[in-house]
Amino acid sequence: MSTTPQPAHAGVHFPPPLLYVLALLLGWLLNRWRPLPMTAGPSSGRMIAAALCVLAYLAIFAGAFAAFRRARTTLIPNRPASALVTGG
């Protein structure tokens, strides 16, 4: 049996939102290099769909945040967790 100590965190060395920032930056750079033509401006349907997506994100995040808060553990993956949250 191995007796090597296990780390107290998930082994994440950079914040996961950094991946989203990098993807947005890559998309912006690709658009600067080779822009796609826009056939129409923003429509009310697209704005409603975008607002619904933002509201859904906020609802999911609020639920997850509340579950982590009740378990008294961290949302940050490179910090030690005090509990495993599997529901909520």
Protein backbone atom coordinates (compact mmCIF):
# COMPACT_ATOMS: atom_id res chain seq x y z
CA MET A 1 0.00 0.00 0.00
CA SER A 2 1.12 3.52 -0.81
CA THR A 3 1.42 5.95 2.06
CA THR A 4 1.97 9.08 -0.01
CA PRO A 5 -0.16 11.94 1.32
CA GLN A 6 -3.03 13.06 -0.90
CA PRO A 7 -3.36 16.79 -1.62
CA ALA A 8 -6.12 18.65 0.21
CA HIS A 9 -7.45 20.12 -3.04
CA ALA A 10 -8.55 18.91 -6.47
CA GLY A 11 -5.21 19.64 -8.12
CA VAL A 12 -6.52 22.59 -10.13
CA HIS A 13 -3.66 25.02 -10.65
CA PHE A 14 -5.60 27.83 -12.32
CA PRO A 15 -9.18 29.10 -11.92
CA PRO A 16 -11.63 27.37 -14.34
CA PRO A 17 -13.20 30.70 -15.44
CA LEU A 18 -9.83 31.42 -17.05
CA LEU A 19 -10.72 28.82 -19.69
CA TYR A 20 -13.85 30.81 -20.59
CA VAL A 21 -11.87 34.04 -20.77
CA LEU A 22 -9.34 32.38 -23.06
CA ALA A 23 -12.14 31.04 -25.29
CA LEU A 24 -13.72 34.51 -25.50
CA LEU A 25 -10.35 36.04 -26.32
CA LEU A 26 -9.76 33.43 -29.04
CA GLY A 27 -13.20 34.12 -30.52
CA TRP A 28 -12.55 37.85 -30.50
CA LEU A 29 -9.17 37.38 -32.19
CA LEU A 30 -10.70 35.09 -34.82
CA ASN A 31 -13.39 37.68 -35.48
CA ARG A 32 -10.73 40.37 -35.91
CA TRP A 33 -8.82 38.14 -38.32
CA ARG A 34 -11.77 36.83 -40.34
CA PRO A 35 -15.10 38.45 -39.41
CA LEU A 36 -18.35 36.73 -40.31
CA PRO A 37 -20.91 38.92 -42.04
CA MET A 38 -23.92 39.86 -39.93
CA THR A 39 -27.14 39.46 -41.89
CA ALA A 40 -29.35 41.16 -39.33
CA GLY A 41 -29.01 43.31 -36.26
CA PRO A 42 -30.19 42.35 -32.81
CA SER A 43 -33.83 41.29 -32.83
CA SER A 44 -36.24 41.19 -29.92
CA GLY A 45 -36.34 37.38 -30.12
CA ARG A 46 -32.58 37.14 -29.72
CA MET A 47 -32.60 39.60 -26.85
CA ILE A 48 -35.33 37.63 -25.06
CA ALA A 49 -33.42 34.37 -25.60
CA ALA A 50 -30.24 35.98 -24.24
CA ALA A 51 -32.06 37.35 -21.20
CA LEU A 52 -33.59 33.91 -20.50
CA CYS A 53 -30.13 32.30 -20.72
CA VAL A 54 -28.72 34.86 -18.26
CA LEU A 55 -31.64 34.30 -15.86
CA ALA A 56 -31.19 30.51 -16.08
CA TYR A 57 -27.48 30.89 -15.35
CA LEU A 58 -28.19 33.08 -12.33
CA ALA A 59 -30.76 30.61 -10.97
CA ILE A 60 -28.38 27.64 -11.34
CA PHE A 61 -25.50 29.57 -9.79
CA ALA A 62 -27.63 30.78 -6.88
CA GLY A 63 -28.74 27.20 -6.16
CA ALA A 64 -25.19 25.88 -6.29
CA PHE A 65 -23.89 28.71 -4.15
CA ALA A 66 -26.59 28.06 -1.55
CA ALA A 67 -25.79 24.32 -1.49
CA PHE A 68 -22.08 24.99 -0.98
CA ARG A 69 -22.88 27.56 1.69
CA ARG A 70 -25.11 25.11 3.59
CA ALA A 71 -22.33 22.50 3.45
CA ARG A 72 -19.84 25.16 4.64
CA THR A 73 -17.34 24.35 1.91
CA THR A 74 -15.66 26.38 -0.80
CA LEU A 75 -16.62 26.90 -4.43
CA ILE A 76 -13.01 27.55 -5.36
CA PRO A 77 -11.48 24.31 -6.72
CA ASN A 78 -7.87 25.03 -5.74
CA ARG A 79 -8.76 25.41 -2.04
CA PRO A 80 -9.28 22.49 0.36
CA ALA A 81 -12.88 21.30 0.54
CA SER A 82 -14.47 20.47 3.86
CA ALA A 83 -17.44 18.60 2.35
CA LEU A 84 -18.56 16.90 -0.85
CA VAL A 85 -21.72 18.46 -2.24
CA THR A 86 -23.61 15.99 -4.46
CA GLY A 87 -27.06 17.55 -4.55
CA GLY A 88 -28.70 20.89 -5.02
